[in-house]
Protein backbone atom coordinates (compact mmCIF):
# COMPACT_ATOMS: atom_id res chain seq x y z
CA UNK A 1 57.98 -20.36 -18.28
CA UNK A 2 55.61 -19.18 -20.69
CA UNK A 3 52.47 -20.23 -21.09
CA UNK A 4 50.34 -20.37 -24.55
CA UNK A 5 47.18 -21.64 -25.47
CA UNK A 6 46.39 -21.96 -29.28
CA UNK A 7 43.60 -23.24 -31.04
CA UNK A 8 44.22 -25.82 -33.94
CA UNK A 9 43.06 -27.60 -36.76
CA UNK A 10 44.43 -30.61 -38.36
CA UNK A 11 46.20 -30.12 -41.31
CA UNK A 12 45.54 -32.35 -44.47
CA UNK A 13 48.66 -33.83 -43.78
CA UNK A 14 47.25 -35.09 -40.10
CA UNK A 15 46.72 -38.98 -39.86
CA UNK A 16 43.42 -38.52 -37.97
CA UNK A 17 42.13 -35.42 -39.92
CA UNK A 18 38.71 -37.41 -40.35
CA UNK A 19 38.37 -37.73 -36.84
CA UNK A 20 39.54 -34.53 -35.47
CA UNK A 21 37.29 -30.92 -36.08
CA UNK A 22 40.17 -29.13 -33.90
CA UNK A 23 41.65 -28.65 -30.49
CA UNK A 24 42.76 -26.60 -27.91
CA UNK A 25 46.47 -26.80 -27.23
CA UNK A 26 47.89 -25.58 -23.85
CA UNK A 27 51.62 -25.49 -23.94
CA UNK A 28 53.99 -24.96 -21.09
CA UNK A 29 57.48 -23.62 -22.36
CA UNK A 30 60.85 -22.83 -20.63
CA UNK A 31 62.98 -20.68 -22.50
CA UNK A 32 64.63 -17.27 -21.85
CA UNK A 33 62.58 -15.20 -23.74
CA UNK A 34 58.85 -15.38 -25.14
CA UNK A 35 59.61 -15.22 -28.88
CA UNK A 36 62.07 -18.23 -28.18
CA UNK A 37 59.16 -20.37 -26.33
CA UNK A 38 56.95 -19.28 -29.15
CA UNK A 39 58.70 -20.73 -31.67
CA UNK A 40 59.23 -23.82 -30.10
CA UNK A 41 55.65 -23.81 -29.52
CA UNK A 42 54.62 -23.08 -33.07
CA UNK A 43 56.85 -25.39 -34.57
CA UNK A 44 56.27 -28.16 -32.49
CA UNK A 45 52.47 -28.06 -33.10
CA UNK A 46 53.16 -27.73 -36.81
CA UNK A 47 55.48 -30.77 -37.07
CA UNK A 48 52.45 -32.42 -35.16
CA UNK A 49 50.53 -31.87 -38.37
CA UNK A 50 48.39 -29.16 -36.83
CA UNK A 51 47.57 -25.53 -38.10
CA UNK A 52 47.39 -22.87 -35.31
CA UNK A 53 44.26 -21.06 -36.25
CA UNK A 54 44.13 -18.52 -32.92
CA UNK A 55 45.94 -17.81 -29.90
CA UNK A 56 43.95 -17.61 -26.69
CA UNK A 57 46.14 -17.01 -23.89
CA UNK A 58 49.94 -16.05 -23.61
CA UNK A 59 51.26 -15.43 -20.25
CA UNK A 60 54.53 -15.75 -18.00
CA UNK A 61 53.66 -18.72 -15.69
CA UNK A 62 55.01 -18.69 -12.63
CA UNK A 63 54.29 -21.35 -9.85
CA UNK A 64 52.39 -19.30 -7.90
CA UNK A 65 50.12 -18.19 -10.80
CA UNK A 66 49.90 -21.99 -11.89
CA UNK A 67 48.78 -22.61 -8.42
CA UNK A 68 45.55 -20.82 -9.00
CA UNK A 69 44.98 -23.09 -12.14
CA UNK A 70 46.05 -26.89 -9.98
CA UNK A 71 45.13 -29.00 -12.65
CA UNK A 72 47.98 -27.65 -14.69
CA UNK A 73 50.31 -28.19 -11.95
CA UNK A 74 51.60 -31.50 -13.13
CA UNK A 75 52.34 -30.22 -16.47
CA UNK A 76 54.01 -26.69 -15.12
CA UNK A 77 56.18 -29.42 -13.36
CA UNK A 78 56.96 -31.87 -16.28
CA UNK A 79 57.89 -28.68 -18.23
CA UNK A 80 60.27 -27.71 -15.37
CA UNK A 81 62.00 -31.50 -15.93
CA UNK A 82 61.65 -31.40 -20.16
CA UNK A 83 61.66 -27.57 -20.89
CA UNK A 84 58.15 -27.97 -22.53
CA UNK A 85 54.97 -30.00 -22.40
CA UNK A 86 51.87 -29.76 -24.83
CA UNK A 87 48.31 -31.07 -23.71
CA UNK A 88 45.80 -30.93 -26.44
CA UNK A 89 42.17 -30.87 -25.74
CA UNK A 90 40.38 -32.15 -29.25
CA UNK A 91 37.05 -32.45 -30.26
CA UNK A 92 35.80 -34.73 -32.76
CA UNK A 93 34.66 -33.45 -36.45
CA UNK A 94 31.22 -31.93 -36.27
CA UNK A 95 30.86 -31.18 -32.78
CA UNK A 96 29.21 -27.88 -31.85
CA UNK A 97 31.95 -25.72 -31.38
CA UNK A 98 33.42 -26.53 -34.43
CA UNK A 99 33.71 -23.61 -36.25
CA UNK A 100 34.29 -25.63 -39.72
CA UNK A 101 30.72 -27.17 -39.74
CA UNK A 102 28.03 -25.83 -41.98
């Protein structure tokens, strides 16, 4: 299992671009190689009308490593079934950590 964390911004075509300033996306992707997993993650995020602006984390995620971060275990386990899980942590337009403000 591969884990990626991307920082994203809504594309102009995103239906809620006036509400969301951006998001952090946690991705659990079950593929044979990191490049395959990353291609799936990037493609899915793009298809959902988000533009990747940064890569915050990339790692091979094992059950033992995930156990160190128990809040994500449900997503890890779901990705074992569905082969991928994406969790968006959005913030509103104008939020203090929105780099597009100002």
